[in-house]
């Protein structure tokens, strides 16, 4: 099913032989968490179009299979399949022939006009999470990008986004790079995902971060950005950095960096195992351990510690715990 579009009619003004311009509309999907809205927006043209899929969810043990009619049964419920049906097992696509009586499956299905049930997706070995879902698919070709707003504080951009809202259970957003092809006769968006470096961009204040994919879980309020993560922060003393992965928390409006963190600013290089970045306060807390302390070094020497306060504007550091240092004589 296609996302409904609101398209205004064109008013032909014969008297003056002019045509009213057609207003543009953006396709969106919206999630709410504790009063904050997470909104996914298609910013580009309707080619390829955004797609919305409405599915009922079923789960259980396969009790019968008909290889000729391509049907399967869960107890007394009969499900038809066709060329649009997709089959999955442990994350890999399989075929109808791989289904076996006695297997646990999760189905996405919809009732047809004749009252029959058609399965669009069959996942072997999985259980039903809830009664139904709404799945929204977005794709924007360059120079456009799908946009996610996290409250009023942060933005994310990427070529492909998928929103899954499982009724009464949870909402999820996935974003990465890639391309999409609209198959009109099937009213389906075929996605080719490419989670490459810099496929996803996250912006907060003066800070920008890039990663290969983003996964948002509305129950936790966390948006996980897979690495490699690259960082930039604008200002009089620009900052460059890197990390293995990153998490943005909607409630705290804070970025947390993990693994092999490196920050370079105004001739100073700082390394850490973890970091909590509070952009609004213009500070970050860098974390290490006794074996692998935070280390901040410039031409005058270095300081180390297990917990360090970092000024995002200047690059200055204050060791809060486990202080150690060495400096050159003037």
Protein backbone atom coordinates (compact mmCIF):
# COMPACT_ATOMS: atom_id res chain seq x y z
CA UNK A 1 0.00 0.00 0.00
CA UNK A 2 1.36 3.43 -0.95
CA UNK A 3 1.73 6.23 1.59
CA UNK A 4 -1.27 8.57 0.98
CA UNK A 5 -0.26 11.76 -0.76
CA UNK A 6 -2.13 15.01 -0.50
CA UNK A 7 -1.92 16.60 -3.93
CA UNK A 8 -3.68 19.88 -4.60
CA UNK A 9 -5.56 20.37 -7.81
CA UNK A 10 -4.32 22.84 -10.39
CA UNK A 11 -6.55 25.83 -10.82
CA UNK A 12 -6.53 26.98 -14.41
CA UNK A 13 -7.14 30.68 -14.62
CA UNK A 14 -8.39 31.01 -18.15
CA UNK A 15 -8.92 34.74 -17.92
CA UNK A 16 -5.24 35.44 -17.33
CA UNK A 17 -3.87 32.21 -18.82
CA UNK A 18 -1.88 31.43 -15.69
CA UNK A 19 -1.55 28.30 -13.58
CA UNK A 20 -1.38 28.16 -9.79
CA UNK A 21 1.85 26.52 -8.52
CA UNK A 22 1.47 23.08 -6.99
CA UNK A 23 2.42 23.06 -3.29
CA UNK A 24 4.97 20.50 -2.19
CA UNK A 25 4.37 18.05 0.64
CA UNK A 26 6.85 15.99 2.61
CA UNK A 27 6.14 12.40 3.57
CA UNK A 28 6.72 11.75 7.28
CA UNK A 29 6.49 9.08 9.98
CA UNK A 30 6.29 10.14 13.61
CA UNK A 31 7.15 8.50 16.94
CA UNK A 32 6.76 10.02 20.39
CA UNK A 33 8.82 9.41 23.53
CA UNK A 34 8.13 11.22 26.79
CA UNK A 35 6.80 14.31 25.07
CA UNK A 36 9.57 14.42 22.48
CA UNK A 37 8.90 13.60 18.86
CA UNK A 38 11.11 11.54 16.58
CA UNK A 39 10.11 12.44 13.02
CA UNK A 40 11.37 10.79 9.83
CA UNK A 41 11.00 12.95 6.71
CA UNK A 42 11.48 12.20 3.02
CA UNK A 43 13.01 15.41 1.67
CA UNK A 44 13.34 14.49 -2.02
CA UNK A 45 10.88 14.00 -4.89
CA UNK A 46 8.39 11.15 -5.24
CA UNK A 47 10.84 9.03 -7.20
CA UNK A 48 11.22 6.59 -5.63
CA UNK A 49 8.05 7.06 -3.57
CA UNK A 50 7.75 6.43 0.15
CA UNK A 51 5.87 3.23 0.95
CA UNK A 52 3.71 2.26 3.93
CA UNK A 53 2.98 -1.38 4.71
CA UNK A 54 0.17 -2.37 7.08
CA UNK A 55 0.61 -5.91 8.38
CA UNK A 56 -1.05 -8.19 10.90
CA UNK A 57 1.39 -10.37 12.82
CA UNK A 58 0.95 -14.10 13.41
CA UNK A 59 3.14 -16.68 15.08
CA UNK A 60 3.09 -20.39 15.79
CA UNK A 61 4.02 -23.85 14.57
CA UNK A 62 3.54 -24.83 10.94
CA UNK A 63 0.93 -27.58 10.94
CA UNK A 64 0.53 -28.12 7.16
CA UNK A 65 2.19 -27.18 3.87
CA UNK A 66 0.95 -27.41 0.28
CA UNK A 67 3.87 -27.06 -2.13
CA UNK A 68 1.61 -26.89 -5.21
CA UNK A 69 -0.74 -24.19 -3.92
CA UNK A 70 2.11 -22.54 -1.93
CA UNK A 71 0.05 -22.37 1.25
CA UNK A 72 0.93 -22.98 4.89
CA UNK A 73 -1.18 -23.48 7.98
CA UNK A 74 -0.74 -22.43 11.59
CA UNK A 75 -3.34 -24.50 13.38
CA UNK A 76 -6.69 -23.75 11.70
CA UNK A 77 -5.43 -20.60 9.95
CA UNK A 78 -4.48 -20.95 6.28
CA UNK A 79 -2.08 -18.50 4.62
CA UNK A 80 -1.49 -18.08 0.90
CA UNK A 81 1.88 -16.96 -0.51
CA UNK A 82 2.94 -15.61 -3.90
CA UNK A 83 5.95 -14.06 -5.67
CA UNK A 84 5.90 -11.10 -3.26
CA UNK A 85 6.34 -13.32 -0.20
CA UNK A 86 9.80 -13.22 1.36
CA UNK A 87 11.20 -16.04 3.51
CA UNK A 88 13.97 -15.58 6.10
CA UNK A 89 16.02 -17.85 8.33
CA UNK A 90 18.71 -16.51 10.67
CA UNK A 91 18.93 -13.27 8.69
CA UNK A 92 19.32 -14.95 5.30
CA UNK A 93 16.69 -15.13 2.57
CA UNK A 94 15.41 -18.64 1.85
CA UNK A 95 12.59 -20.22 -0.22
CA UNK A 96 9.16 -21.78 0.36
CA UNK A 97 10.83 -25.18 -0.06
CA UNK A 98 12.84 -24.53 3.13
CA UNK A 99 9.66 -24.49 5.25
CA UNK A 100 8.98 -27.63 7.28
CA UNK A 101 6.00 -28.83 9.28
CA UNK A 102 6.79 -28.32 12.97
CA UNK A 103 8.84 -25.14 12.49
CA UNK A 104 8.17 -22.07 14.61
CA UNK A 105 7.49 -19.09 12.33
CA UNK A 106 6.51 -15.44 12.47
CA UNK A 107 4.27 -14.17 9.68
CA UNK A 108 3.41 -10.74 8.36
CA UNK A 109 0.07 -11.05 6.61
CA UNK A 110 -2.96 -9.08 5.45
CA UNK A 111 -6.57 -10.04 4.81
CA UNK A 112 -7.51 -9.95 1.13
CA UNK A 113 -10.79 -8.81 -0.42
CA UNK A 114 -12.10 -12.39 -0.49
CA UNK A 115 -11.37 -12.86 3.23
CA UNK A 116 -8.28 -15.03 2.73
CA UNK A 117 -4.97 -14.34 4.48
CA UNK A 118 -1.89 -13.60 2.41
CA UNK A 119 1.59 -13.87 3.95
CA UNK A 120 4.07 -11.22 2.79
CA UNK A 121 6.93 -12.27 5.06
CA UNK A 122 7.75 -15.56 6.79
CA UNK A 123 10.53 -15.71 9.38
CA UNK A 124 11.59 -19.19 10.46
CA UNK A 125 12.45 -19.61 14.16
CA UNK A 126 10.97 -16.29 15.28
CA UNK A 127 7.95 -15.40 17.44
CA UNK A 128 5.27 -12.76 17.07
CA UNK A 129 6.05 -9.56 19.03
CA UNK A 130 2.60 -7.97 18.87
CA UNK A 131 -0.72 -7.94 17.01
CA UNK A 132 0.25 -5.75 14.04
CA UNK A 133 2.79 -3.32 12.62
CA UNK A 134 3.09 -0.31 10.37
CA UNK A 135 6.30 -0.22 8.32
CA UNK A 136 7.30 2.97 6.50
CA UNK A 137 10.09 2.88 3.91
CA UNK A 138 11.92 6.02 2.78
CA UNK A 139 14.62 6.51 0.17
CA UNK A 140 16.11 9.74 -1.17
CA UNK A 141 18.59 9.86 -4.07
CA UNK A 142 21.44 12.42 -4.01
CA UNK A 143 21.52 15.33 -3.45
CA UNK A 144 18.54 14.67 -1.14
CA UNK A 145 18.70 12.75 2.13
CA UNK A 146 16.09 11.26 4.44
CA UNK A 147 16.04 13.27 7.68
CA UNK A 148 15.32 12.21 11.27
CA UNK A 149 14.69 14.81 13.97
CA UNK A 150 15.18 13.74 17.59
CA UNK A 151 13.13 16.25 19.57
CA UNK A 152 14.43 19.76 18.95
CA UNK A 153 18.06 18.93 19.66
CA UNK A 154 19.51 16.54 17.08
CA UNK A 155 19.22 15.57 13.42
CA UNK A 156 20.29 12.52 11.44
CA UNK A 157 20.59 12.07 7.67
CA UNK A 158 20.95 9.08 5.36
CA UNK A 159 19.87 7.67 2.01
CA UNK A 160 17.56 4.93 3.35
CA UNK A 161 15.30 4.81 6.42
CA UNK A 162 12.87 2.20 7.72
CA UNK A 163 10.35 2.85 10.51
CA UNK A 164 8.63 -0.12 12.19
CA UNK A 165 5.87 0.58 14.68
CA UNK A 166 4.65 -2.59 16.41
CA UNK A 167 1.32 -1.77 18.03
CA UNK A 168 1.42 -1.89 21.81
CA UNK A 169 5.05 -3.07 21.88
CA UNK A 170 7.74 -0.71 20.55
CA UNK A 171 8.85 1.52 17.69
CA UNK A 172 12.11 1.24 15.77
CA UNK A 173 13.96 3.35 13.20
CA UNK A 174 16.79 2.10 10.99
CA UNK A 175 18.89 4.31 8.71
CA UNK A 176 21.86 3.65 6.45
CA UNK A 177 23.21 4.26 2.95
CA UNK A 178 22.06 2.60 -0.23
CA UNK A 179 19.69 2.87 -3.15
CA UNK A 180 16.07 1.97 -3.84
CA UNK A 181 14.03 0.90 -6.85
CA UNK A 182 10.26 1.21 -7.02
CA UNK A 183 8.53 -1.77 -8.66
CA UNK A 184 5.24 -0.26 -9.78
CA UNK A 185 3.42 -3.47 -10.73
CA UNK A 186 4.05 -4.83 -7.22
CA UNK A 187 3.76 -1.45 -5.43
CA UNK A 188 6.97 -2.35 -3.64
CA UNK A 189 10.20 -0.57 -2.76
CA UNK A 190 13.25 -2.77 -3.32
CA UNK A 191 16.11 -1.58 -1.10
CA UNK A 192 19.80 -2.17 -1.61
CA UNK A 193 21.44 -1.35 1.72
CA UNK A 194 25.03 -0.10 1.80
CA UNK A 195 26.18 0.53 5.41
CA UNK A 196 29.48 2.11 4.39
CA UNK A 197 31.54 4.68 6.37
CA UNK A 198 29.82 8.10 6.47
CA UNK A 199 26.52 6.58 5.31
CA UNK A 200 24.77 8.28 8.26
CA UNK A 201 25.34 11.79 9.61
CA UNK A 202 24.24 13.00 13.06
CA UNK A 203 24.17 16.71 13.92
CA UNK A 204 23.86 18.31 17.36
CA UNK A 205 24.75 21.96 17.87
CA UNK A 206 28.24 22.60 16.50
CA UNK A 207 29.03 18.87 16.46
CA UNK A 208 28.70 16.43 13.57
CA UNK A 209 29.32 12.69 13.59
CA UNK A 210 29.30 10.10 10.82
CA UNK A 211 28.80 6.34 11.00
CA UNK A 212 27.75 3.39 8.85
CA UNK A 213 24.21 2.86 10.20
CA UNK A 214 21.79 4.08 12.86
CA UNK A 215 19.38 1.98 14.92
CA UNK A 216 16.86 3.77 17.16
CA UNK A 217 14.89 1.89 19.87
CA UNK A 218 12.02 3.98 21.26
CA UNK A 219 11.75 1.93 24.46
CA UNK A 220 15.28 2.89 25.51
CA UNK A 221 15.43 6.24 23.73
CA UNK A 222 18.84 5.30 22.35
CA UNK A 223 20.02 5.79 18.77
CA UNK A 224 23.03 3.53 18.18
CA UNK A 225 25.45 4.60 15.45
CA UNK A 226 27.76 1.86 14.20
CA UNK A 227 31.32 2.76 13.30
CA UNK A 228 33.73 3.69 12.18
CA UNK A 229 32.62 6.98 13.76
CA UNK A 230 34.15 10.27 12.61
CA UNK A 231 33.65 13.53 14.53
CA UNK A 232 33.87 17.21 13.72
CA UNK A 233 33.04 20.30 15.75
CA UNK A 234 33.12 23.81 14.33
CA UNK A 235 34.48 26.85 16.17
CA UNK A 236 37.55 29.04 16.59
CA UNK A 237 39.44 25.89 17.52
CA UNK A 238 37.89 23.15 15.37
CA UNK A 239 37.85 19.60 16.72
CA UNK A 240 38.43 16.39 14.78
CA UNK A 241 37.83 12.97 16.32
CA UNK A 242 37.05 9.31 15.89
CA UNK A 243 35.58 6.38 17.83
CA UNK A 244 34.40 2.83 17.23
CA UNK A 245 30.71 3.50 17.88
CA UNK A 246 28.34 6.08 19.33
CA UNK A 247 24.97 6.36 21.12
CA UNK A 248 22.67 9.39 21.15
CA UNK A 249 20.14 9.40 24.00
CA UNK A 250 16.93 11.35 23.34
CA UNK A 251 16.13 11.89 27.04
CA UNK A 252 19.57 13.18 28.09
CA UNK A 253 20.29 14.85 24.72
CA UNK A 254 23.85 13.54 25.07
CA UNK A 255 26.29 11.62 22.86
CA UNK A 256 28.25 8.70 24.28
CA UNK A 257 31.34 7.48 22.43
CA UNK A 258 32.87 4.04 22.82
CA UNK A 259 36.19 2.47 21.88
CA UNK A 260 39.50 3.91 20.62
CA UNK A 261 38.42 7.52 21.07
CA UNK A 262 40.75 10.14 19.63
CA UNK A 263 40.19 13.91 19.78
CA UNK A 264 42.51 16.38 18.06
CA UNK A 265 42.14 20.11 18.73
CA UNK A 266 44.49 23.12 18.71
CA UNK A 267 47.66 21.01 18.80
CA UNK A 268 46.38 18.71 21.55
CA UNK A 269 45.57 15.02 21.08
CA UNK A 270 43.43 13.22 23.65
CA UNK A 271 42.66 9.50 23.72
CA UNK A 272 40.14 7.59 25.85
CA UNK A 273 38.08 4.42 26.08
CA UNK A 274 34.76 6.21 26.59
CA UNK A 275 33.33 9.73 26.41
CA UNK A 276 30.11 11.50 27.33
CA UNK A 277 29.60 14.59 25.17
CA UNK A 278 27.24 17.32 26.42
CA UNK A 279 27.07 19.70 23.48
CA UNK A 280 24.74 22.18 25.20
CA UNK A 281 27.22 22.58 28.06
CA UNK A 282 30.18 22.60 25.63
CA UNK A 283 31.98 19.91 27.63
CA UNK A 284 32.79 16.23 27.48
CA UNK A 285 33.80 13.71 30.12
CA UNK A 286 36.52 11.31 28.98
CA UNK A 287 36.86 7.93 30.69
CA UNK A 288 39.67 5.40 30.98
CA UNK A 289 41.02 2.85 33.44
CA UNK A 290 44.18 2.39 35.47
CA UNK A 291 45.57 0.14 32.76
CA UNK A 292 44.37 2.37 29.91
CA UNK A 293 43.99 5.89 31.26
CA UNK A 294 42.79 8.92 29.37
CA UNK A 295 45.82 10.66 27.89
CA UNK A 296 45.96 14.25 26.66
CA UNK A 297 49.15 15.51 25.08
CA UNK A 298 50.51 18.61 23.32
CA UNK A 299 53.99 20.02 22.65
CA UNK A 300 54.40 21.01 26.32
CA UNK A 301 53.77 17.54 27.77
CA UNK A 302 50.94 15.25 28.77
CA UNK A 303 48.41 14.53 31.50
CA UNK A 304 46.70 11.23 32.29
CA UNK A 305 43.77 10.17 34.43
CA UNK A 306 40.81 7.81 34.68
CA UNK A 307 38.29 10.66 34.36
CA UNK A 308 38.95 13.90 32.52
CA UNK A 309 36.84 17.02 31.86
CA UNK A 310 37.27 18.26 28.28
CA UNK A 311 36.33 21.77 27.07
CA UNK A 312 34.84 21.41 23.59
CA UNK A 313 35.47 25.07 22.67
CA UNK A 314 39.16 25.24 23.62
CA UNK A 315 40.41 21.66 23.94
CA UNK A 316 41.59 22.34 27.50
CA UNK A 317 41.43 19.42 29.95
CA UNK A 318 41.10 19.01 33.71
CA UNK A 319 41.95 15.63 35.26
CA UNK A 320 39.23 14.75 37.78
CA UNK A 321 40.48 11.35 38.91
CA UNK A 322 43.83 9.51 38.86
CA UNK A 323 45.93 12.49 37.87
CA UNK A 324 49.39 11.99 36.41
CA UNK A 325 51.44 14.25 34.16
CA UNK A 326 54.74 15.31 32.69
CA UNK A 327 55.63 18.71 31.24
CA UNK A 328 58.55 20.29 29.44
CA UNK A 329 60.55 22.94 31.20
CA UNK A 330 59.91 26.41 29.77
